[in-house]
Amino acid sequence: MSMKILKAITPPIIIDYYKKLNEWSECKKACIPTYRLSSGDIYWSGKGVGEMWEEIGRLQFEYLVKNGLLPRHTFLDIGCGSLRGGIKFINYLENGNYYGIEKESLLLKAAIEVEIPRYGLLEKKISLENRDDFDFSVFNTQFDFALAQSVFTHLTWNKILKCLVNLSKVLKTDGVCFATFFEDKDGSYKVKPMIHTYPGGKGTSYPDEDPYHYEFDFFVELAKRTSLKVEYIGEWNHPRGQMMMVFKK
């Protein structure tokens, strides 16, 4: 029987099951911590969204501390995922000062069921929200610091604007939000893909599909539509070449 015929008569749910089984096996071979969540989903700690778990988690944490984040500050982690950076921030901040928002329910479930217990943080007060509308008002808190690490790289301009408008409502007067992006430095890639090379590999960003690249001026224009201002920072040693900027009131 040919593979095409086999696929045609095999229910999609069974094909998906064997695909997940194969991925599970490959992750086990690579010694990637693998878990089955209460939902039945398989979660690979440090694979997919959480790749380079220790490297990028430590990078973002150390960068914000270097730029003024103190334990007493309230901190908003936009696109917190399964807490790759969040684990370090939660450990550092005073109890109750960490707030994370994430659109992928599987990642938040993994954060709660796997990462928080794994790192001994069950006694910490942690505020997490599963939503994709950037409605930060649900936390009923004003923030000293915020971070959108590898978030705008996956968003269209109108969703970025929505994020910034809502962010402007919850940042304190002297609050700041650091954000990363793939940069089209001179506008040469308005209508074509851009190749990003970095140690150990390369990636591609696009002007019209995920992951996106933008000129910095684009964010200047968006900020003008809010009560925020934006400053260019640039290189901050991100392993995949994302640049840094900071939004302020």
C-alpha atoms as a PDB file:
ATOM      1  CA  MET A   1       0.000   0.000   0.000  1.00  0.00           C
ATOM      2  CA  SER A   2       1.436   3.386  -0.979  1.00  0.00           C
ATOM      3  CA  MET A   3       2.078   6.126   1.593  1.00  0.00           C
ATOM      4  CA  LYS A   4      -0.411   8.439  -0.165  1.00  0.00           C
ATOM      5  CA  ILE A   5      -3.211   5.856   0.170  1.00  0.00           C
ATOM      6  CA  LEU A   6      -2.255   5.168   3.787  1.00  0.00           C
ATOM      7  CA  LYS A   7      -2.505   8.876   4.607  1.00  0.00           C
ATOM      8  CA  ALA A   8      -5.832   9.129   2.837  1.00  0.00           C
ATOM      9  CA  ILE A   9      -7.470   6.389   4.896  1.00  0.00           C
ATOM     10  CA  THR A  10      -5.811   7.132   8.251  1.00  0.00           C
ATOM     11  CA  PRO A  11      -7.821   9.467  10.517  1.00  0.00           C
ATOM     12  CA  PRO A  12      -5.999  12.763  11.148  1.00  0.00           C
ATOM     13  CA  ILE A  13      -6.156  12.224  14.912  1.00  0.00           C
ATOM     14  CA  ILE A  14      -4.091   9.025  14.559  1.00  0.00           C
ATOM     15  CA  ILE A  15      -1.563  10.723  12.283  1.00  0.00           C
ATOM     16  CA  ASP A  16      -1.241  13.522  14.835  1.00  0.00           C
ATOM     17  CA  TYR A  17      -0.793  10.983  17.626  1.00  0.00           C
ATOM     18  CA  TYR A  18       2.082   9.240  15.864  1.00  0.00           C
ATOM     19  CA  LYS A  19       3.653  12.575  14.973  1.00  0.00           C
ATOM     20  CA  LYS A  20       3.638  13.580  18.649  1.00  0.00           C
ATOM     21  CA  LEU A  21       4.949  10.135  19.623  1.00  0.00           C
ATOM     22  CA  ASN A  22       7.860  10.553  17.230  1.00  0.00           C
ATOM     23  CA  GLU A  23       8.594  14.066  18.546  1.00  0.00           C
ATOM     24  CA  TRP A  24       8.489  12.723  22.099  1.00  0.00           C
ATOM     25  CA  SER A  25      10.992  10.010  21.154  1.00  0.00           C
ATOM     26  CA  GLU A  26      13.342  12.499  19.470  1.00  0.00           C
ATOM     27  CA  CYS A  27      13.222  14.835  22.483  1.00  0.00           C
ATOM     28  CA  LYS A  28      14.010  11.937  24.807  1.00  0.00           C
ATOM     29  CA  LYS A  29      17.008  11.025  22.652  1.00  0.00           C
ATOM     30  CA  ALA A  30      18.246  14.632  22.843  1.00  0.00           C
ATOM     31  CA  CYS A  31      17.799  14.617  26.647  1.00  0.00           C
ATOM     32  CA  ILE A  32      15.277  17.482  26.471  1.00  0.00           C
ATOM     33  CA  PRO A  33      13.061  17.485  29.612  1.00  0.00           C
ATOM     34  CA  THR A  34       9.689  16.187  28.385  1.00  0.00           C
ATOM     35  CA  TYR A  35       6.372  16.372  30.230  1.00  0.00           C
ATOM     36  CA  ARG A  36       2.731  15.461  29.666  1.00  0.00           C
ATOM     37  CA  LEU A  37       0.429  18.198  30.915  1.00  0.00           C
ATOM     38  CA  SER A  38      -2.949  17.666  32.575  1.00  0.00           C
ATOM     39  CA  SER A  39      -4.527  18.654  29.249  1.00  0.00           C
ATOM     40  CA  GLY A  40      -2.819  15.694  27.582  1.00  0.00           C
ATOM     41  CA  ASP A  41      -0.469  17.967  25.610  1.00  0.00           C
ATOM     42  CA  ILE A  42       3.240  17.213  25.494  1.00  0.00           C
ATOM     43  CA  TYR A  43       5.587  19.957  26.650  1.00  0.00           C
ATOM     44  CA  TRP A  44       9.295  20.066  25.918  1.00  0.00           C
ATOM     45  CA  SER A  45      11.090  22.399  28.312  1.00  0.00           C
ATOM     46  CA  GLY A  46      13.603  24.410  26.323  1.00  0.00           C
ATOM     47  CA  LYS A  47      12.295  23.435  22.882  1.00  0.00           C
ATOM     48  CA  GLY A  48      10.276  25.579  20.460  1.00  0.00           C
ATOM     49  CA  VAL A  49       9.275  28.913  22.032  1.00  0.00           C
ATOM     50  CA  GLY A  50      11.536  28.197  25.001  1.00  0.00           C
ATOM     51  CA  GLU A  51      14.671  27.377  23.010  1.00  0.00           C
ATOM     52  CA  MET A  52      18.014  28.552  24.423  1.00  0.00           C
ATOM     53  CA  TRP A  53      16.248  28.454  27.803  1.00  0.00           C
ATOM     54  CA  GLU A  54      19.184  29.324  30.008  1.00  0.00           C
ATOM     55  CA  GLU A  55      21.005  31.645  27.588  1.00  0.00           C
ATOM     56  CA  ILE A  56      18.102  33.919  26.638  1.00  0.00           C
ATOM     57  CA  GLY A  57      16.486  33.700  30.069  1.00  0.00           C
ATOM     58  CA  ARG A  58      19.684  34.876  31.723  1.00  0.00           C
ATOM     59  CA  LEU A  59      20.340  37.505  29.028  1.00  0.00           C
ATOM     60  CA  GLN A  60      17.027  39.318  29.485  1.00  0.00           C
ATOM     61  CA  PHE A  61      17.176  39.112  33.272  1.00  0.00           C
ATOM     62  CA  GLU A  62      20.717  40.462  33.539  1.00  0.00           C
ATOM     63  CA  TYR A  63      19.985  43.199  31.000  1.00  0.00           C
ATOM     64  CA  LEU A  64      17.032  44.580  32.955  1.00  0.00           C
ATOM     65  CA  VAL A  65      18.842  44.405  36.289  1.00  0.00           C
ATOM     66  CA  LYS A  66      21.771  46.237  34.700  1.00  0.00           C
ATOM     67  CA  ASN A  67      19.307  48.888  33.525  1.00  0.00           C
ATOM     68  CA  GLY A  68      17.745  49.555  36.894  1.00  0.00           C
ATOM     69  CA  LEU A  69      15.276  46.779  37.753  1.00  0.00           C
ATOM     70  CA  LEU A  70      15.146  46.402  41.545  1.00  0.00           C
ATOM     71  CA  PRO A  71      13.363  43.761  43.671  1.00  0.00           C
ATOM     72  CA  ARG A  72      10.819  46.363  44.834  1.00  0.00           C
ATOM     73  CA  HIS A  73       9.717  47.179  41.266  1.00  0.00           C
ATOM     74  CA  THR A  74       6.533  45.882  39.660  1.00  0.00           C
ATOM     75  CA  PHE A  75       7.383  44.049  36.444  1.00  0.00           C
ATOM     76  CA  LEU A  76       5.222  43.133  33.427  1.00  0.00           C
ATOM     77  CA  ASP A  77       6.477  40.268  31.241  1.00  0.00           C
ATOM     78  CA  ILE A  78       4.703  40.587  27.865  1.00  0.00           C
ATOM     79  CA  GLY A  79       4.658  37.256  26.045  1.00  0.00           C
ATOM     80  CA  CYS A  80       6.032  35.442  29.086  1.00  0.00           C
ATOM     81  CA  GLY A  81       5.711  31.978  27.521  1.00  0.00           C
ATOM     82  CA  SER A  82       6.483  29.161  29.949  1.00  0.00           C
ATOM     83  CA  LEU A  83       8.659  31.557  31.998  1.00  0.00           C
ATOM     84  CA  ARG A  84      12.056  31.179  30.323  1.00  0.00           C
ATOM     85  CA  GLY A  85      12.995  34.597  31.700  1.00  0.00           C
ATOM     86  CA  GLY A  86      10.154  34.709  34.207  1.00  0.00           C
ATOM     87  CA  ILE A  87      11.725  32.109  36.494  1.00  0.00           C
ATOM     88  CA  LYS A  88      14.699  34.388  37.108  1.00  0.00           C
ATOM     89  CA  PHE A  89      12.562  37.515  37.524  1.00  0.00           C
ATOM     90  CA  ILE A  90      10.236  35.777  40.005  1.00  0.00           C
ATOM     91  CA  ASN A  91      13.210  34.641  42.070  1.00  0.00           C
ATOM     92  CA  TYR A  92      14.630  38.164  42.118  1.00  0.00           C
ATOM     93  CA  LEU A  93      11.562  40.330  42.635  1.00  0.00           C
ATOM     94  CA  GLU A  94       9.732  40.844  45.900  1.00  0.00           C
ATOM     95  CA  ASN A  95       6.780  38.517  46.316  1.00  0.00           C
ATOM     96  CA  GLY A  96       3.830  39.550  44.148  1.00  0.00           C
ATOM     97  CA  ASN A  97       5.780  41.886  41.848  1.00  0.00           C
ATOM     98  CA  TYR A  98       5.892  39.605  38.792  1.00  0.00           C
ATOM     99  CA  TYR A  99       3.082  39.735  36.219  1.00  0.00           C
ATOM    100  CA  GLY A 100       3.087  37.694  33.020  1.00  0.00           C
ATOM    101  CA  ILE A 101       0.743  37.697  30.050  1.00  0.00           C
ATOM    102  CA  GLU A 102       0.775  35.051  27.298  1.00  0.00           C
ATOM    103  CA  LYS A 103      -1.590  34.126  24.458  1.00  0.00           C
ATOM    104  CA  GLU A 104      -0.646  30.424  24.247  1.00  0.00           C
ATOM    105  CA  SER A 105      -2.590  28.503  26.884  1.00  0.00           C
ATOM    106  CA  LEU A 106      -0.310  25.468  26.568  1.00  0.00           C
ATOM    107  CA  LEU A 107       2.729  27.539  27.550  1.00  0.00           C
ATOM    108  CA  LEU A 108       1.012  29.033  30.594  1.00  0.00           C
ATOM    109  CA  LYS A 109      -0.183  25.592  31.636  1.00  0.00           C
ATOM    110  CA  ALA A 110       3.416  24.378  31.316  1.00  0.00           C
ATOM    111  CA  ALA A 111       4.598  27.321  33.415  1.00  0.00           C
ATOM    112  CA  ILE A 112       2.142  26.448  36.185  1.00  0.00           C
ATOM    113  CA  GLU A 113       2.407  22.659  36.084  1.00  0.00           C
ATOM    114  CA  VAL A 114       6.102  22.246  35.232  1.00  0.00           C
ATOM    115  CA  GLU A 115       8.396  25.255  35.516  1.00  0.00           C
ATOM    116  CA  ILE A 116       7.112  26.905  38.707  1.00  0.00           C
ATOM    117  CA  PRO A 117       7.291  23.632  40.715  1.00  0.00           C
ATOM    118  CA  ARG A 118      10.578  22.615  39.036  1.00  0.00           C
ATOM    119  CA  TYR A 119      12.268  25.790  40.215  1.00  0.00           C
ATOM    120  CA  GLY A 120      10.762  25.718  43.709  1.00  0.00           C
ATOM    121  CA  LEU A 121       8.545  28.777  43.305  1.00  0.00           C
ATOM    122  CA  LEU A 122       5.225  27.394  44.549  1.00  0.00           C
ATOM    123  CA  GLU A 123       5.284  29.689  47.589  1.00  0.00           C
ATOM    124  CA  LYS A 124       5.651  32.799  45.419  1.00  0.00           C
ATOM    125  CA  LYS A 125       2.680  34.984  44.519  1.00  0.00           C
ATOM    126  CA  ILE A 126       2.712  35.068  40.708  1.00  0.00           C
ATOM    127  CA  SER A 127       0.112  36.757  38.488  1.00  0.00           C
ATOM    128  CA  LEU A 128      -0.386  35.124  35.067  1.00  0.00           C
ATOM    129  CA  GLU A 129      -3.005  35.865  32.409  1.00  0.00           C
ATOM    130  CA  ASN A 130      -3.849  33.897  29.259  1.00  0.00           C
ATOM    131  CA  ARG A 131      -5.020  36.423  26.658  1.00  0.00           C
ATOM    132  CA  ASP A 132      -4.072  37.847  23.266  1.00  0.00           C
ATOM    133  CA  ASP A 133      -5.633  41.317  23.471  1.00  0.00           C
ATOM    134  CA  PHE A 134      -2.870  43.058  25.458  1.00  0.00           C
ATOM    135  CA  ASP A 135      -5.412  44.186  28.048  1.00  0.00           C
ATOM    136  CA  PHE A 136      -2.938  44.776  30.839  1.00  0.00           C
ATOM    137  CA  SER A 137      -5.603  46.490  32.941  1.00  0.00           C
ATOM    138  CA  VAL A 138      -6.713  43.023  34.160  1.00  0.00           C
ATOM    139  CA  PHE A 139      -3.807  43.122  36.613  1.00  0.00           C
ATOM    140  CA  ASN A 140      -5.098  46.349  38.214  1.00  0.00           C
ATOM    141  CA  THR A 141      -1.462  47.436  38.671  1.00  0.00           C
ATOM    142  CA  GLN A 142       0.838  50.199  37.495  1.00  0.00           C
ATOM    143  CA  PHE A 143       4.257  49.004  36.354  1.00  0.00           C
ATOM    144  CA  ASP A 144       7.792  50.265  36.870  1.00  0.00           C
ATOM    145  CA  PHE A 145       9.276  47.970  34.230  1.00  0.00           C
ATOM    146  CA  ALA A 146       7.971  45.926  31.316  1.00  0.00           C
ATOM    147  CA  LEU A 147       9.608  43.681  28.740  1.00  0.00           C
ATOM    148  CA  ALA A 148       8.479  42.449  25.311  1.00  0.00           C
ATOM    149  CA  GLN A 149      11.274  40.055  24.359  1.00  0.00           C
ATOM    150  CA  SER A 150      10.739  38.544  20.894  1.00  0.00           C
ATOM    151  CA  VAL A 151       7.104  39.703  20.819  1.00  0.00           C
ATOM    152  CA  PHE A 152       7.030  42.453  18.190  1.00  0.00           C
ATOM    153  CA  THR A 153       8.955  40.108  15.870  1.00  0.00           C
ATOM    154  CA  HIS A 154       5.713  38.130  15.577  1.00  0.00           C
ATOM    155  CA  LEU A 155       3.198  40.978  15.304  1.00  0.00           C
ATOM    156  CA  THR A 156       1.713  43.137  12.558  1.00  0.00           C
ATOM    157  CA  TRP A 157       1.910  46.906  13.035  1.00  0.00           C
ATOM    158  CA  ASN A 158      -1.714  47.268  14.175  1.00  0.00           C
ATOM    159  CA  LYS A 159      -1.256  44.686  16.936  1.00  0.00           C
ATOM    160  CA  ILE A 160       1.941  46.402  18.050  1.00  0.00           C
ATOM    161  CA  LEU A 161       0.006  49.673  18.211  1.00  0.00           C
ATOM    162  CA  LYS A 162      -2.696  48.006  20.315  1.00  0.00           C
ATOM    163  CA  CYS A 163      -0.025  46.712  22.678  1.00  0.00           C
ATOM    164  CA  LEU A 164       1.570  50.158  23.004  1.00  0.00           C
ATOM    165  CA  VAL A 165      -1.737  51.972  23.571  1.00  0.00           C
ATOM    166  CA  ASN A 166      -2.644  49.551  26.371  1.00  0.00           C
ATOM    167  CA  LEU A 167       0.878  49.683  27.753  1.00  0.00           C
ATOM    168  CA  SER A 168       0.748  53.477  28.016  1.00  0.00           C
ATOM    169  CA  LYS A 169      -2.211  53.111  30.380  1.00  0.00           C
ATOM    170  CA  VAL A 170      -0.388  50.910  32.889  1.00  0.00           C
ATOM    171  CA  LEU A 171       3.187  52.260  32.887  1.00  0.00           C
ATOM    172  CA  LYS A 172       4.022  54.548  35.794  1.00  0.00           C
ATOM    173  CA  THR A 173       5.088  58.098  34.960  1.00  0.00           C
ATOM    174  CA  ASP A 174       8.744  57.069  35.156  1.00  0.00           C
ATOM    175  CA  GLY A 175       8.105  53.517  33.942  1.00  0.00           C
ATOM    176  CA  VAL A 176       9.917  51.915  31.011  1.00  0.00           C
ATOM    177  CA  CYS A 177       9.295  49.048  28.615  1.00  0.00           C
ATOM    178  CA  PHE A 178      12.179  47.355  26.824  1.00  0.00           C
ATOM    179  CA  ALA A 179      11.320  45.615  23.554  1.00  0.00           C
ATOM    180  CA  THR A 180      13.224  43.698  20.892  1.00  0.00           C
ATOM    181  CA  PHE A 181      12.810  43.623  17.118  1.00  0.00           C
ATOM    182  CA  PHE A 182      14.457  42.443  13.922  1.00  0.00           C
ATOM    183  CA  GLU A 183      15.838  45.588  12.316  1.00  0.00           C
ATOM    184  CA  ASP A 184      15.857  46.611   8.686  1.00  0.00           C
ATOM    185  CA  LYS A 185      18.601  49.171   9.241  1.00  0.00           C
ATOM    186  CA  ASP A 186      18.370  51.161   5.990  1.00  0.00           C
ATOM    187  CA  GLY A 187      14.989  50.217   4.535  1.00  0.00           C
ATOM    188  CA  SER A 188      16.471  47.825   1.991  1.00  0.00           C
ATOM    189  CA  TYR A 189      14.086  45.033   2.961  1.00  0.00           C
ATOM    190  CA  LYS A 190      10.692  46.705   2.670  1.00  0.00           C
ATOM    191  CA  VAL A 191       9.505  44.120   0.138  1.00  0.00           C
ATOM    192  CA  LYS A 192      11.866  41.177   0.527  1.00  0.00           C
ATOM    193  CA  PRO A 193      13.073  38.720   3.170  1.00  0.00           C
ATOM    194  CA  MET A 194      16.142  39.388   5.305  1.00  0.00           C
ATOM    195  CA  ILE A 195      18.657  36.718   6.297  1.00  0.00           C
ATOM    196  CA  HIS A 196      20.011  36.956   9.845  1.00  0.00           C
ATOM    197  CA  THR A 197      23.234  35.103  10.581  1.00  0.00           C
ATOM    198  CA  TYR A 198      24.392  34.332  14.094  1.00  0.00           C
ATOM    199  CA  PRO A 199      26.752  31.871  15.766  1.00  0.00           C
ATOM    200  CA  GLY A 200      25.497  28.372  15.106  1.00  0.00           C
ATOM    201  CA  GLY A 201      22.928  29.166  12.452  1.00  0.00           C
ATOM    202  CA  LYS A 202      20.828  31.638  10.511  1.00  0.00           C
ATOM    203  CA  GLY A 203      17.217  32.739  10.251  1.00  0.00           C
ATOM    204  CA  THR A 204      14.895  34.680   7.978  1.00  0.00           C
ATOM    205  CA  SER A 205      12.497  37.543   8.716  1.00  0.00           C
ATOM    206  CA  TYR A 206       9.945  39.116   6.390  1.00  0.00           C
ATOM    207  CA  PRO A 207       8.236  42.450   5.739  1.00  0.00           C
ATOM    208  CA  ASP A 208       4.804  40.821   5.459  1.00  0.00           C
ATOM    209  CA  GLU A 209       4.790  37.564   7.427  1.00  0.00           C
ATOM    210  CA  ASP A 210       5.925  36.119  10.741  1.00  0.00           C
ATOM    211  CA  PRO A 211       8.673  36.645  11.845  1.00  0.00           C
ATOM    212  CA  TYR A 212       8.630  40.337  10.890  1.00  0.00           C
ATOM    213  CA  HIS A 213      11.395  42.900  10.504  1.00  0.00           C
ATOM    214  CA  TYR A 214      10.919  46.659  10.764  1.00  0.00           C
ATOM    215  CA  GLU A 215      12.855  49.891  10.424  1.00  0.00           C
ATOM    216  CA  PHE A 216      13.237  51.647  13.775  1.00  0.00           C
ATOM    217  CA  ASP A 217      11.434  54.737  12.394  1.00  0.00           C
ATOM    218  CA  PHE A 218       8.337  52.582  12.223  1.00  0.00           C
ATOM    219  CA  PHE A 219       8.250  52.385  16.030  1.00  0.00           C
ATOM    220  CA  VAL A 220       8.858  56.129  16.300  1.00  0.00           C
ATOM    221  CA  GLU A 221       5.714  56.703  14.230  1.00  0.00           C
ATOM    222  CA  LEU A 222       3.674  54.231  16.268  1.00  0.00           C
ATOM    223  CA  ALA A 223       4.802  55.805  19.537  1.00  0.00           C
ATOM    224  CA  LYS A 224       3.509  59.168  18.283  1.00  0.00           C
ATOM    225  CA  ARG A 225       0.017  57.657  18.258  1.00  0.00           C
ATOM    226  CA  THR A 226       0.299  56.976  21.995  1.00  0.00           C
ATOM    227  CA  SER A 227       1.562  58.864  25.058  1.00  0.00           C
ATOM    228  CA  LEU A 228       4.890  57.036  24.781  1.00  0.00           C
ATOM    229  CA  LYS A 229       8.282  57.917  23.353  1.00  0.00           C
ATOM    230  CA  VAL A 230      10.793  55.395  22.063  1.00  0.00           C
ATOM    231  CA  GLU A 231      14.592  55.380  22.118  1.00  0.00           C
ATOM    232  CA  TYR A 232      16.883  53.181  20.044  1.00  0.00           C
ATOM    233  CA  ILE A 233      19.369  51.017  21.933  1.00  0.00           C
ATOM    234  CA  GLY A 234      20.456  48.527  19.285  1.00  0.00           C
ATOM    235  CA  GLU A 235      22.828  45.665  19.965  1.00  0.00           C
ATOM    236  CA  TRP A 236      22.470  43.872  23.312  1.00  0.00           C
ATOM    237  CA  ASN A 237      24.080  40.519  22.452  1.00  0.00           C
ATOM    238  CA  HIS A 238      20.889  38.671  21.534  1.00  0.00           C
ATOM    239  CA  PRO A 239      22.004  35.299  20.086  1.00  0.00           C
ATOM    240  CA  ARG A 240      19.696  35.682  17.064  1.00  0.00           C
ATOM    241  CA  GLY A 241      20.417  39.306  16.300  1.00  0.00           C
ATOM    242  CA  GLN A 242      17.324  41.046  17.667  1.00  0.00           C
ATOM    243  CA  MET A 243      17.883  44.715  18.490  1.00  0.00           C
ATOM    244  CA  MET A 244      16.683  46.505  21.624  1.00  0.00           C
ATOM    245  CA  MET A 245      14.659  49.701  22.136  1.00  0.00           C
ATOM    246  CA  VAL A 246      12.940  51.274  25.123  1.00  0.00           C
ATOM    247  CA  PHE A 247       9.553  52.971  25.442  1.00  0.00           C
ATOM    248  CA  LYS A 248       9.042  55.663  28.067  1.00  0.00           C
ATOM    249  CA  LYS A 249       6.220  57.924  29.224  1.00  0.00           C
END
